[in-house]
Amino acid sequence: MNYEPDPEEQEILNAFERGELKSVPDAEQKIAEAEEAARNTLNRMRQIQLNLTERDYHLAYVKASEQGLPYPVLLSDIVHKYLTGQLVERGLSGI
């Protein structure tokens, strides 16, 4: 079976063969994040209504902006990580 790359794929392949591509720092983490994102896109999403205080909304908005994300994506990620045990409480000393 022959596969012909499309023009964009061919451009990437040519750059790779010329040695023009460089690995990013923490490439393995980036790959893991991309894989998780791909898995998450395959999951059926449900919309919910979430009431936040003005302060929490503002903090979420600022944190999301710092990461280049829409705040609903950040909040969804936080909920997902908490529910899957990837996010743990450190205590209430920050309040």
Protein backbone atom coordinates (compact mmCIF):
# COMPACT_ATOMS: atom_id res chain seq x y z
CA MET A 1 0.00 0.00 0.00
CA ASN A 2 1.48 3.35 -1.07
CA TYR A 3 0.77 6.54 0.79
CA GLU A 4 1.35 9.91 -0.78
CA PRO A 5 1.76 12.72 1.74
CA ASP A 6 -0.21 15.88 1.16
CA PRO A 7 1.79 19.09 0.48
CA GLU A 8 1.90 20.11 4.15
CA GLU A 9 3.08 16.65 5.22
CA GLN A 10 5.67 16.64 2.43
CA GLU A 11 6.99 20.03 3.57
CA ILE A 12 7.40 18.71 7.12
CA LEU A 13 9.09 15.54 5.87
CA ASN A 14 11.50 17.56 3.72
CA ALA A 15 12.38 19.83 6.66
CA PHE A 16 12.99 16.76 8.83
CA GLU A 17 15.24 15.16 6.21
CA ARG A 18 17.25 18.40 5.92
CA GLY A 19 17.74 18.41 9.69
CA GLU A 20 15.83 21.66 10.14
CA LEU A 21 13.48 20.42 12.85
CA LYS A 22 14.46 20.58 16.50
CA SER A 23 12.99 18.75 19.44
CA VAL A 24 11.15 20.90 21.94
CA PRO A 25 12.16 20.84 25.60
CA ASP A 26 10.04 18.33 27.54
CA ALA A 27 8.92 16.65 24.29
CA GLU A 28 7.65 13.55 26.09
CA GLN A 29 5.36 15.66 28.28
CA LYS A 30 4.08 17.55 25.22
CA ILE A 31 3.35 14.24 23.47
CA ALA A 32 1.51 12.93 26.54
CA GLU A 33 -0.54 16.13 26.72
CA ALA A 34 -1.41 15.89 23.02
CA GLU A 35 -2.43 12.25 23.43
CA GLU A 36 -4.65 13.13 26.39
CA ALA A 37 -6.19 15.99 24.44
CA ALA A 38 -6.89 13.64 21.53
CA ARG A 39 -8.52 11.09 23.85
CA ASN A 40 -10.60 13.83 25.45
CA THR A 41 -11.90 15.02 22.10
CA LEU A 42 -13.24 11.53 21.50
CA ASN A 43 -15.19 11.58 24.74
CA ARG A 44 -18.74 12.82 24.60
CA MET A 45 -19.01 16.20 26.26
CA ARG A 46 -21.91 17.43 28.37
CA GLN A 47 -22.59 21.05 29.12
CA ILE A 48 -23.24 22.09 32.68
CA GLN A 49 -24.03 25.34 34.40
CA LEU A 50 -21.50 26.38 37.00
CA ASN A 51 -21.99 29.27 39.39
CA LEU A 52 -18.82 30.99 40.54
CA THR A 53 -18.16 33.97 42.73
CA GLU A 54 -16.87 37.04 40.92
CA ARG A 55 -13.49 36.47 42.55
CA ASP A 56 -13.25 32.83 41.41
CA TYR A 57 -14.42 33.76 37.91
CA HIS A 58 -11.77 36.48 37.69
CA LEU A 59 -9.03 34.16 38.98
CA ALA A 60 -10.01 31.44 36.51
CA TYR A 61 -10.10 33.96 33.67
CA VAL A 62 -6.63 35.29 34.54
CA LYS A 63 -5.10 31.81 34.94
CA ALA A 64 -6.61 30.66 31.65
CA SER A 65 -5.34 33.77 29.88
CA GLU A 66 -1.84 33.12 31.21
CA GLN A 67 -1.97 29.65 29.65
CA GLY A 68 -3.55 30.81 26.40
CA LEU A 69 -6.78 28.92 27.07
CA PRO A 70 -10.43 29.87 27.23
CA TYR A 71 -11.48 29.79 30.89
CA PRO A 72 -14.13 27.05 30.35
CA VAL A 73 -11.38 24.76 29.03
CA LEU A 74 -9.23 25.47 32.09
CA LEU A 75 -12.14 24.78 34.45
CA SER A 76 -13.01 21.58 32.58
CA ASP A 77 -9.38 20.45 32.83
CA ILE A 78 -9.30 21.17 36.57
CA VAL A 79 -12.49 19.15 37.15
CA HIS A 80 -11.17 16.28 35.02
CA LYS A 81 -7.83 16.16 36.83
CA TYR A 82 -9.52 16.29 40.24
CA LEU A 83 -11.95 13.50 39.40
CA THR A 84 -9.23 11.25 37.98
CA GLY A 85 -6.92 11.76 40.97
CA GLN A 86 -4.36 13.82 39.06
CA LEU A 87 -5.09 16.93 41.14
CA VAL A 88 -4.76 16.76 44.89
CA GLU A 89 -5.49 19.27 47.62
CA ARG A 90 -2.53 20.91 49.32
CA GLY A 91 -4.51 22.50 52.13
CA LEU A 92 -6.31 25.74 52.73
CA SER A 93 -3.25 27.86 53.54
CA GLY A 94 -3.75 29.93 50.37
CA ILE A 95 -7.15 31.26 51.47
